[in-house]
Amino acid sequence: MNPPVSIPPVLKIRPAAPSDASVILQFIRELAAYEREPEAVLANEADLLRDGWGEPPRFSALIAEYGGEIAGFALYFTTYSTWRGHHGIRLEDIYVTPALRNHGIGRALLARIAGICVEQGCPRLEWDVLEWNESAIAVYRRLGATMQSEWRIMRLSGEALTALAGSAVPPTAA
């Protein structure tokens, strides 16, 4: 008698659909908890539906399925480089559920986004990583990514954003 044959689970990367908004939101919350800011997530499912599948869409997302189970996601949007004279892609979030890590799912999501960059002629793919997340940094470096040490992220939000907006010169009539 032949021993049973083990069939490895199938990994599938597909575009996210509106029906995935709830699981994307769940993953965003899990990612925020991992990044030590669970209370920072203000987004809700309606926000994701509006901005991912409204007109115009503000982001695109991919879903990873492993063995028929939703295992992770990547959410990205286009940017523009004035120096390069071309758009690029900015990866906002990538997440794989902890129970399904170490199966190449995160790498497959990044590879698909890299493929989209190449298909669109984008000169670069960029994302942020927390400085304490050494394991992620090591993975990204193994993939060939370089850390941009000369640049720092600047953020304007809350009252400072509102105050600056209130000081704007009114637009001129056309």
N, C-alpha and C. Protein backbone atom coordinates (compact mmCIF):
# COMPACT_ATOMS: atom_id res chain seq x y z
N MET A 1 0.83 -1.16 0.00
CA MET A 1 0.00 0.00 0.00
C MET A 1 0.89 1.25 0.00
N ASN A 2 0.52 2.23 -0.82
CA ASN A 2 1.29 3.46 -0.92
C ASN A 2 0.97 4.39 0.24
N PRO A 3 2.01 5.11 0.74
CA PRO A 3 1.74 6.08 1.82
C PRO A 3 0.89 7.23 1.27
N PRO A 4 0.12 7.90 2.14
CA PRO A 4 -0.69 9.01 1.67
C PRO A 4 0.19 10.13 1.12
N VAL A 5 -0.29 10.77 0.09
CA VAL A 5 0.44 11.87 -0.55
C VAL A 5 -0.07 13.17 0.05
N SER A 6 0.87 13.99 0.48
CA SER A 6 0.52 15.29 1.04
C SER A 6 0.56 16.35 -0.07
N ILE A 7 -0.52 17.03 -0.25
CA ILE A 7 -0.59 18.08 -1.26
C ILE A 7 -0.42 19.43 -0.56
N PRO A 8 0.61 20.20 -0.98
CA PRO A 8 0.82 21.49 -0.32
C PRO A 8 -0.33 22.45 -0.61
N PRO A 9 -0.64 23.31 0.36
CA PRO A 9 -1.70 24.29 0.14
C PRO A 9 -1.35 25.21 -1.03
N VAL A 10 -2.36 25.66 -1.73
CA VAL A 10 -2.18 26.55 -2.87
C VAL A 10 -2.20 28.00 -2.37
N LEU A 11 -1.24 28.78 -2.86
CA LEU A 11 -1.18 30.21 -2.56
C LEU A 11 -1.71 30.97 -3.76
N LYS A 12 -2.65 31.86 -3.50
CA LYS A 12 -3.27 32.64 -4.57
C LYS A 12 -3.23 34.12 -4.15
N ILE A 13 -2.81 34.98 -5.07
CA ILE A 13 -2.85 36.43 -4.85
C ILE A 13 -3.86 36.99 -5.85
N ARG A 14 -4.82 37.74 -5.33
CA ARG A 14 -5.87 38.28 -6.21
C ARG A 14 -6.18 39.72 -5.81
N PRO A 15 -6.77 40.49 -6.74
CA PRO A 15 -7.21 41.84 -6.38
C PRO A 15 -8.31 41.76 -5.32
N ALA A 16 -8.27 42.66 -4.38
CA ALA A 16 -9.33 42.71 -3.37
C ALA A 16 -10.62 43.17 -4.01
N ALA A 17 -11.73 42.69 -3.49
CA ALA A 17 -13.07 43.06 -3.94
C ALA A 17 -13.79 43.77 -2.80
N PRO A 18 -14.86 44.49 -3.11
CA PRO A 18 -15.61 45.14 -2.03
C PRO A 18 -16.02 44.18 -0.91
N SER A 19 -16.27 42.94 -1.25
CA SER A 19 -16.65 41.96 -0.22
C SER A 19 -15.50 41.63 0.74
N ASP A 20 -14.29 42.08 0.42
CA ASP A 20 -13.13 41.86 1.29
C ASP A 20 -12.92 42.99 2.29
N ALA A 21 -13.72 44.05 2.21
CA ALA A 21 -13.49 45.22 3.07
C ALA A 21 -13.48 44.86 4.55
N SER A 22 -14.36 43.98 4.99
CA SER A 22 -14.40 43.66 6.42
C SER A 22 -13.15 42.92 6.87
N VAL A 23 -12.64 42.00 6.07
CA VAL A 23 -11.43 41.27 6.46
C VAL A 23 -10.21 42.19 6.37
N ILE A 24 -10.20 43.10 5.40
CA ILE A 24 -9.10 44.07 5.33
C ILE A 24 -9.09 44.92 6.59
N LEU A 25 -10.25 45.38 7.02
CA LEU A 25 -10.33 46.17 8.25
C LEU A 25 -9.87 45.36 9.45
N GLN A 26 -10.25 44.11 9.52
CA GLN A 26 -9.79 43.23 10.61
C GLN A 26 -8.26 43.16 10.60
N PHE A 27 -7.67 42.96 9.42
CA PHE A 27 -6.21 42.87 9.31
C PHE A 27 -5.54 44.20 9.67
N ILE A 28 -6.15 45.32 9.29
CA ILE A 28 -5.61 46.64 9.66
C ILE A 28 -5.57 46.77 11.17
N ARG A 29 -6.61 46.35 11.83
CA ARG A 29 -6.65 46.40 13.30
C ARG A 29 -5.60 45.49 13.93
N GLU A 30 -5.43 44.30 13.37
CA GLU A 30 -4.40 43.38 13.88
C GLU A 30 -3.01 43.97 13.67
N LEU A 31 -2.78 44.58 12.52
CA LEU A 31 -1.50 45.21 12.24
C LEU A 31 -1.24 46.36 13.20
N ALA A 32 -2.25 47.18 13.46
CA ALA A 32 -2.09 48.29 14.40
C ALA A 32 -1.75 47.78 15.80
N ALA A 33 -2.36 46.70 16.21
CA ALA A 33 -2.05 46.11 17.52
C ALA A 33 -0.60 45.63 17.54
N TYR A 34 -0.16 44.98 16.47
CA TYR A 34 1.23 44.53 16.39
C TYR A 34 2.19 45.72 16.44
N GLU A 35 1.80 46.82 15.81
CA GLU A 35 2.65 48.02 15.77
C GLU A 35 2.48 48.89 17.02
N ARG A 36 1.80 48.34 18.02
CA ARG A 36 1.67 48.96 19.34
C ARG A 36 0.81 50.22 19.34
N GLU A 37 -0.15 50.30 18.41
CA GLU A 37 -1.08 51.43 18.36
C GLU A 37 -2.50 50.98 18.02
N PRO A 38 -3.06 50.04 18.79
CA PRO A 38 -4.39 49.52 18.44
C PRO A 38 -5.48 50.58 18.44
N GLU A 39 -5.35 51.59 19.28
CA GLU A 39 -6.38 52.64 19.36
C GLU A 39 -6.28 53.65 18.22
N ALA A 40 -5.25 53.58 17.40
CA ALA A 40 -5.05 54.57 16.34
C ALA A 40 -5.94 54.33 15.12
N VAL A 41 -6.53 53.15 14.98
CA VAL A 41 -7.34 52.86 13.80
C VAL A 41 -8.71 53.53 13.94
N LEU A 42 -8.96 54.48 13.08
CA LEU A 42 -10.25 55.17 13.03
C LEU A 42 -11.08 54.72 11.83
N ALA A 43 -10.43 54.10 10.87
CA ALA A 43 -11.10 53.66 9.64
C ALA A 43 -12.22 52.67 9.97
N ASN A 44 -13.24 52.69 9.12
CA ASN A 44 -14.30 51.70 9.22
C ASN A 44 -14.54 51.10 7.84
N GLU A 45 -15.40 50.13 7.78
CA GLU A 45 -15.66 49.43 6.52
C GLU A 45 -16.19 50.38 5.44
N ALA A 46 -17.03 51.33 5.81
CA ALA A 46 -17.56 52.29 4.84
C ALA A 46 -16.44 53.14 4.24
N ASP A 47 -15.45 53.50 5.06
CA ASP A 47 -14.30 54.26 4.55
C ASP A 47 -13.55 53.46 3.49
N LEU A 48 -13.31 52.20 3.79
CA LEU A 48 -12.59 51.35 2.84
C LEU A 48 -13.37 51.18 1.54
N LEU A 49 -14.68 50.96 1.66
CA LEU A 49 -15.51 50.80 0.46
C LEU A 49 -15.50 52.07 -0.38
N ARG A 50 -15.63 53.22 0.27
CA ARG A 50 -15.62 54.51 -0.44
C ARG A 50 -14.29 54.73 -1.15
N ASP A 51 -13.20 54.51 -0.43
CA ASP A 51 -11.89 54.88 -0.97
C ASP A 51 -11.23 53.81 -1.83
N GLY A 52 -11.64 52.57 -1.67
CA GLY A 52 -11.06 51.51 -2.48
C GLY A 52 -11.85 51.19 -3.74
N TRP A 53 -13.17 51.44 -3.68
CA TRP A 53 -14.00 51.05 -4.82
C TRP A 53 -14.93 52.16 -5.26
N GLY A 54 -14.75 53.36 -4.73
CA GLY A 54 -15.53 54.52 -5.16
C GLY A 54 -14.91 55.16 -6.39
N GLU A 55 -15.46 56.28 -6.78
CA GLU A 55 -14.94 57.02 -7.93
C GLU A 55 -14.39 58.35 -7.49
N PRO A 56 -13.13 58.59 -7.68
CA PRO A 56 -12.11 57.66 -8.14
C PRO A 56 -11.60 56.81 -6.98
N PRO A 57 -11.11 55.61 -7.25
CA PRO A 57 -10.54 54.81 -6.17
C PRO A 57 -9.26 55.48 -5.67
N ARG A 58 -9.07 55.50 -4.36
CA ARG A 58 -7.89 56.15 -3.76
C ARG A 58 -6.79 55.14 -3.44
N PHE A 59 -7.11 53.86 -3.43
CA PHE A 59 -6.11 52.82 -3.19
C PHE A 59 -6.52 51.56 -3.92
N SER A 60 -5.55 50.67 -4.03
CA SER A 60 -5.78 49.32 -4.54
C SER A 60 -5.32 48.35 -3.45
N ALA A 61 -5.82 47.15 -3.50
CA ALA A 61 -5.42 46.16 -2.50
C ALA A 61 -5.39 44.78 -3.13
N LEU A 62 -4.55 43.95 -2.55
CA LEU A 62 -4.44 42.54 -2.94
C LEU A 62 -4.79 41.68 -1.74
N ILE A 63 -5.35 40.54 -2.02
CA ILE A 63 -5.67 39.56 -0.99
C ILE A 63 -4.85 38.30 -1.26
N ALA A 64 -4.25 37.76 -0.21
CA ALA A 64 -3.54 36.48 -0.30
C ALA A 64 -4.44 35.41 0.29
N GLU A 65 -4.63 34.35 -0.47
CA GLU A 65 -5.36 33.19 0.02
C GLU A 65 -4.39 32.01 0.07
N TYR A 66 -4.40 31.31 1.17
CA TYR A 66 -3.50 30.17 1.35
C TYR A 66 -4.35 28.98 1.78
N GLY A 67 -4.37 27.96 0.93
CA GLY A 67 -5.19 26.80 1.23
C GLY A 67 -6.67 27.14 1.30
N GLY A 68 -7.10 28.13 0.54
CA GLY A 68 -8.50 28.55 0.51
C GLY A 68 -8.90 29.49 1.63
N GLU A 69 -7.95 29.84 2.50
CA GLU A 69 -8.21 30.74 3.62
C GLU A 69 -7.58 32.11 3.34
N ILE A 70 -8.28 33.19 3.66
CA ILE A 70 -7.69 34.52 3.49
C ILE A 70 -6.58 34.66 4.52
N ALA A 71 -5.37 34.90 4.02
CA ALA A 71 -4.17 34.86 4.86
C ALA A 71 -3.54 36.22 5.08
N GLY A 72 -3.83 37.19 4.22
CA GLY A 72 -3.20 38.49 4.36
C GLY A 72 -3.64 39.44 3.27
N PHE A 73 -3.08 40.65 3.33
CA PHE A 73 -3.42 41.65 2.33
C PHE A 73 -2.27 42.63 2.17
N ALA A 74 -2.32 43.37 1.09
CA ALA A 74 -1.42 44.49 0.86
C ALA A 74 -2.26 45.61 0.27
N LEU A 75 -2.09 46.82 0.79
CA LEU A 75 -2.83 47.98 0.32
C LEU A 75 -1.83 49.00 -0.19
N TYR A 76 -2.05 49.53 -1.40
CA TYR A 76 -1.09 50.42 -2.03
C TYR A 76 -1.81 51.49 -2.84
N PHE A 77 -1.06 52.52 -3.21
CA PHE A 77 -1.60 53.60 -4.03
C PHE A 77 -0.48 54.20 -4.86
N THR A 78 -0.83 55.01 -5.85
CA THR A 78 0.19 55.61 -6.70
C THR A 78 0.70 56.91 -6.08
N THR A 79 1.95 57.19 -6.38
CA THR A 79 2.60 58.44 -6.01
C THR A 79 3.17 59.04 -7.29
N TYR A 80 3.79 60.17 -7.18
CA TYR A 80 4.42 60.77 -8.36
C TYR A 80 5.77 61.34 -7.97
N SER A 81 6.78 61.04 -8.75
CA SER A 81 8.11 61.58 -8.54
C SER A 81 8.37 62.67 -9.56
N THR A 82 8.52 63.89 -9.07
CA THR A 82 8.85 65.00 -9.98
C THR A 82 10.25 64.82 -10.55
N TRP A 83 11.15 64.23 -9.79
CA TRP A 83 12.51 64.05 -10.26
C TRP A 83 12.59 62.97 -11.34
N ARG A 84 11.81 61.93 -11.15
CA ARG A 84 11.80 60.85 -12.14
C ARG A 84 10.85 61.12 -13.29
N GLY A 85 9.87 62.01 -13.05
CA GLY A 85 8.88 62.28 -14.09
C GLY A 85 7.98 61.09 -14.35
N HIS A 86 7.66 60.35 -13.29
CA HIS A 86 6.83 59.15 -13.45
C HIS A 86 6.18 58.81 -12.12
N HIS A 87 5.07 58.10 -12.22
CA HIS A 87 4.43 57.65 -10.99
C HIS A 87 5.14 56.41 -10.46
N GLY A 88 4.95 56.19 -9.17
CA GLY A 88 5.47 55.01 -8.51
C GLY A 88 4.36 54.41 -7.67
N ILE A 89 4.69 53.43 -6.90
CA ILE A 89 3.71 52.81 -6.02
C ILE A 89 4.21 52.90 -4.58
N ARG A 90 3.31 53.25 -3.71
CA ARG A 90 3.59 53.33 -2.28
C ARG A 90 2.77 52.24 -1.59
N LEU A 91 3.45 51.35 -0.91
CA LEU A 91 2.81 50.30 -0.14
C LEU A 91 2.47 50.88 1.22
N GLU A 92 1.20 50.95 1.54
CA GLU A 92 0.75 51.49 2.82
C GLU A 92 0.81 50.42 3.91
N ASP A 93 0.24 49.26 3.64
CA ASP A 93 0.22 48.18 4.62
C ASP A 93 0.40 46.85 3.92
N ILE A 94 1.12 45.96 4.59
CA ILE A 94 1.20 44.57 4.18
C ILE A 94 1.09 43.76 5.47
N TYR A 95 0.27 42.73 5.44
CA TYR A 95 0.02 41.97 6.66
C TYR A 95 -0.32 40.53 6.30
N VAL A 96 0.26 39.62 7.07
CA VAL A 96 -0.07 38.19 6.98
C VAL A 96 -0.45 37.74 8.37
N THR A 97 -1.57 37.07 8.48
CA THR A 97 -2.04 36.61 9.78
C THR A 97 -0.96 35.71 10.42
N PRO A 98 -0.70 35.89 11.72
CA PRO A 98 0.43 35.19 12.36
C PRO A 98 0.44 33.67 12.17
N ALA A 99 -0.71 33.04 12.20
CA ALA A 99 -0.75 31.58 12.08
C ALA A 99 -0.29 31.08 10.71
N LEU A 100 -0.28 31.97 9.71
CA LEU A 100 0.08 31.55 8.35
C LEU A 100 1.38 32.17 7.87
N ARG A 101 2.16 32.73 8.77
CA ARG A 101 3.46 33.30 8.38
C ARG A 101 4.45 32.19 8.09
N ASN A 102 5.52 32.57 7.43
CA ASN A 102 6.61 31.65 7.06
C ASN A 102 6.21 30.65 5.98
N HIS A 103 5.27 31.05 5.14
CA HIS A 103 4.88 30.24 3.99
C HIS A 103 5.12 31.00 2.68
N GLY A 104 5.83 32.13 2.76
CA GLY A 104 6.12 32.91 1.55
C GLY A 104 4.98 33.82 1.13
N ILE A 105 3.99 34.03 1.99
CA ILE A 105 2.81 34.82 1.63
C ILE A 105 3.15 36.30 1.51
N GLY A 106 3.87 36.84 2.49
CA GLY A 106 4.27 38.24 2.43
C GLY A 106 5.15 38.52 1.23
N ARG A 107 6.08 37.62 0.98
CA ARG A 107 6.96 37.78 -0.18
C ARG A 107 6.15 37.74 -1.47
N ALA A 108 5.17 36.86 -1.54
CA ALA A 108 4.33 36.77 -2.74
C ALA A 108 3.53 38.05 -2.95
N LEU A 109 3.02 38.64 -1.86
CA LEU A 109 2.31 39.92 -1.99
C LEU A 109 3.25 41.01 -2.51
N LEU A 110 4.45 41.10 -1.92
CA LEU A 110 5.42 42.10 -2.39
C LEU A 110 5.83 41.85 -3.84
N ALA A 111 6.01 40.59 -4.20
CA ALA A 111 6.39 40.26 -5.58
C ALA A 111 5.30 40.67 -6.56
N ARG A 112 4.04 40.49 -6.18
CA ARG A 112 2.95 40.89 -7.08
C ARG A 112 2.91 42.41 -7.25
N ILE A 113 3.12 43.14 -6.15
CA ILE A 113 3.14 44.60 -6.26
C ILE A 113 4.35 45.05 -7.09
N ALA A 114 5.50 44.40 -6.90
CA ALA A 114 6.66 44.70 -7.73
C ALA A 114 6.34 44.45 -9.20
N GLY A 115 5.61 43.37 -9.47
CA GLY A 115 5.20 43.08 -10.84
C GLY A 115 4.30 44.16 -11.42
N ILE A 116 3.40 44.69 -10.59
CA ILE A 116 2.53 45.78 -11.04
C ILE A 116 3.38 47.00 -11.36
N CYS A 117 4.38 47.29 -10.52
CA CYS A 117 5.30 48.40 -10.78
C CYS A 117 5.98 48.23 -12.14
N VAL A 118 6.51 47.05 -12.38
CA VAL A 118 7.21 46.78 -13.64
C VAL A 118 6.25 46.90 -14.81
N GLU A 119 5.05 46.33 -14.69
CA GLU A 119 4.05 46.40 -15.77
C GLU A 119 3.70 47.84 -16.11
N GLN A 120 3.64 48.71 -15.09
CA GLN A 120 3.27 50.12 -15.30
C GLN A 120 4.46 51.02 -15.59
N GLY A 121 5.65 50.46 -15.63
CA GLY A 121 6.85 51.25 -15.90
C GLY A 121 7.27 52.12 -14.72
N CYS A 122 6.82 51.79 -13.53
CA CYS A 122 7.16 52.58 -12.34
C CYS A 122 8.64 52.40 -12.00
N PRO A 123 9.34 53.49 -11.70
CA PRO A 123 10.75 53.36 -11.35
C PRO A 123 11.00 52.90 -9.92
N ARG A 124 9.95 52.95 -9.06
CA ARG A 124 10.20 52.53 -7.68
C ARG A 124 8.92 52.15 -6.94
N LEU A 125 9.16 51.31 -5.93
CA LEU A 125 8.16 50.88 -4.96
C LEU A 125 8.71 51.27 -3.60
N GLU A 126 7.90 51.98 -2.82
CA GLU A 126 8.36 52.46 -1.52
C GLU A 126 7.36 52.11 -0.44
N TRP A 127 7.88 51.99 0.80
CA TRP A 127 7.04 51.76 1.97
C TRP A 127 7.80 52.17 3.21
N ASP A 128 7.11 52.24 4.32
CA ASP A 128 7.72 52.56 5.61
C ASP A 128 7.85 51.28 6.42
N VAL A 129 8.81 51.30 7.33
CA VAL A 129 8.97 50.20 8.28
C VAL A 129 9.39 50.83 9.61
N LEU A 130 8.80 50.36 10.68
CA LEU A 130 9.17 50.87 12.00
C LEU A 130 10.60 50.48 12.33
N GLU A 131 11.34 51.42 12.92
CA GLU A 131 12.77 51.17 13.17
C GLU A 131 13.02 50.00 14.12
N TRP A 132 12.05 49.68 14.99
CA TRP A 132 12.23 48.56 15.92
C TRP A 132 11.88 47.21 15.30
N ASN A 133 11.29 47.21 14.10
CA ASN A 133 10.86 45.96 13.47
C ASN A 133 12.02 45.33 12.70
N GLU A 134 13.00 44.86 13.44
CA GLU A 134 14.23 44.34 12.84
C GLU A 134 14.00 43.12 11.96
N SER A 135 13.04 42.28 12.31
CA SER A 135 12.80 41.10 11.48
C SER A 135 12.27 41.50 10.10
N ALA A 136 11.36 42.48 10.06
CA ALA A 136 10.85 42.95 8.77
C ALA A 136 11.96 43.62 7.97
N ILE A 137 12.77 44.44 8.63
CA ILE A 137 13.88 45.12 7.94
C ILE A 137 14.80 44.09 7.32
N ALA A 138 15.11 43.02 8.05
CA ALA A 138 15.98 41.97 7.52
C ALA A 138 15.37 41.31 6.29
N VAL A 139 14.07 41.03 6.33
CA VAL A 139 13.38 40.44 5.18
C VAL A 139 13.46 41.37 3.98
N TYR A 140 13.16 42.65 4.20
CA TYR A 140 13.16 43.62 3.10
C TYR A 140 14.55 43.76 2.50
N ARG A 141 15.57 43.75 3.34
CA ARG A 141 16.95 43.85 2.82
C ARG A 141 17.31 42.62 2.01
N ARG A 142 16.87 41.44 2.45
CA ARG A 142 17.14 40.21 1.68
C ARG A 142 16.48 40.27 0.30
N LEU A 143 15.38 41.00 0.19
CA LEU A 143 14.70 41.15 -1.09
C LEU A 143 15.38 42.18 -1.98
N GLY A 144 16.35 42.93 -1.42
CA GLY A 144 17.06 43.94 -2.20
C GLY A 144 16.64 45.37 -1.91
N ALA A 145 15.74 45.58 -0.95
CA ALA A 145 15.31 46.93 -0.60
C ALA A 145 16.43 47.64 0.17
N THR A 146 16.51 48.95 0.00
CA THR A 146 17.48 49.76 0.73
C THR A 146 16.75 50.74 1.63
N MET A 147 17.35 51.00 2.78
CA MET A 147 16.78 51.95 3.74
C MET A 147 17.23 53.34 3.34
N GLN A 148 16.27 54.26 3.27
CA GLN A 148 16.56 55.65 2.93
C GLN A 148 16.86 56.41 4.22
N SER A 149 18.12 56.55 4.58
CA SER A 149 18.46 57.15 5.86
C SER A 149 18.49 58.68 5.82
N GLU A 150 18.57 59.27 4.64
CA GLU A 150 18.65 60.73 4.56
C GLU A 150 17.29 61.40 4.69
N TRP A 151 16.22 60.69 4.44
CA TRP A 151 14.88 61.26 4.42
C TRP A 151 14.14 60.92 5.70
N ARG A 152 13.32 61.85 6.16
CA ARG A 152 12.49 61.64 7.34
C ARG A 152 11.05 61.95 6.97
N ILE A 153 10.13 61.20 7.52
CA ILE A 153 8.71 61.43 7.28
C ILE A 153 8.26 62.62 8.11
N MET A 154 7.58 63.54 7.48
CA MET A 154 6.97 64.68 8.19
C MET A 154 5.47 64.47 8.13
N ARG A 155 4.78 64.77 9.22
CA ARG A 155 3.33 64.57 9.27
C ARG A 155 2.69 65.80 9.90
N LEU A 156 1.64 66.26 9.27
CA LEU A 156 0.83 67.35 9.78
C LEU A 156 -0.57 66.79 9.97
N SER A 157 -1.14 66.88 11.19
CA SER A 157 -2.46 66.33 11.44
C SER A 157 -3.14 67.12 12.56
N GLY A 158 -4.40 66.80 12.79
CA GLY A 158 -5.15 67.40 13.89
C GLY A 158 -5.22 68.91 13.82
N GLU A 159 -5.03 69.54 14.98
CA GLU A 159 -5.15 70.99 15.07
C GLU A 159 -4.13 71.72 14.20
N ALA A 160 -2.91 71.18 14.10
CA ALA A 160 -1.89 71.82 13.27
C ALA A 160 -2.30 71.83 11.80
N LEU A 161 -2.89 70.75 11.33
CA LEU A 161 -3.36 70.68 9.95
C LEU A 161 -4.47 71.70 9.73
N THR A 162 -5.43 71.73 10.64
CA THR A 162 -6.56 72.66 10.54
C THR A 162 -6.08 74.11 10.57
N ALA A 163 -5.13 74.41 11.45
CA ALA A 163 -4.60 75.77 11.55
C ALA A 163 -3.90 76.20 10.27
N LEU A 164 -3.09 75.34 9.72
CA LEU A 164 -2.39 75.68 8.48
C LEU A 164 -3.38 75.87 7.34
N ALA A 165 -4.37 74.98 7.25
CA ALA A 165 -5.39 75.11 6.21
C ALA A 165 -6.14 76.43 6.33
N GLY A 166 -6.38 76.87 7.56
CA GLY A 166 -7.08 78.11 7.79
C GLY A 166 -6.29 79.35 7.39
N SER A 167 -4.99 79.20 7.22
CA SER A 167 -4.15 80.34 6.83
C SER A 167 -3.91 80.40 5.32
N ALA A 168 -4.53 79.49 4.57
CA ALA A 168 -4.30 79.43 3.13
C ALA A 168 -4.86 80.64 2.42
N VAL A 169 -4.18 81.04 1.36
CA VAL A 169 -4.68 82.11 0.50
C VAL A 169 -5.85 81.56 -0.27
N PRO A 170 -6.98 82.29 -0.32
CA PRO A 170 -8.15 81.77 -1.06
C PRO A 170 -7.80 81.58 -2.54
N PRO A 171 -8.38 80.53 -3.14
CA PRO A 171 -8.12 80.32 -4.57
C PRO A 171 -8.73 81.44 -5.40
N THR A 172 -8.11 81.70 -6.52
CA THR A 172 -8.65 82.73 -7.42
C THR A 172 -9.70 82.11 -8.33
N ALA A 173 -10.64 82.93 -8.71
CA ALA A 173 -11.70 82.46 -9.63
C ALA A 173 -11.11 82.28 -11.02
N ALA A 174 -11.54 81.28 -11.73
CA ALA A 174 -11.03 81.01 -13.07
C ALA A 174 -11.70 81.85 -14.11
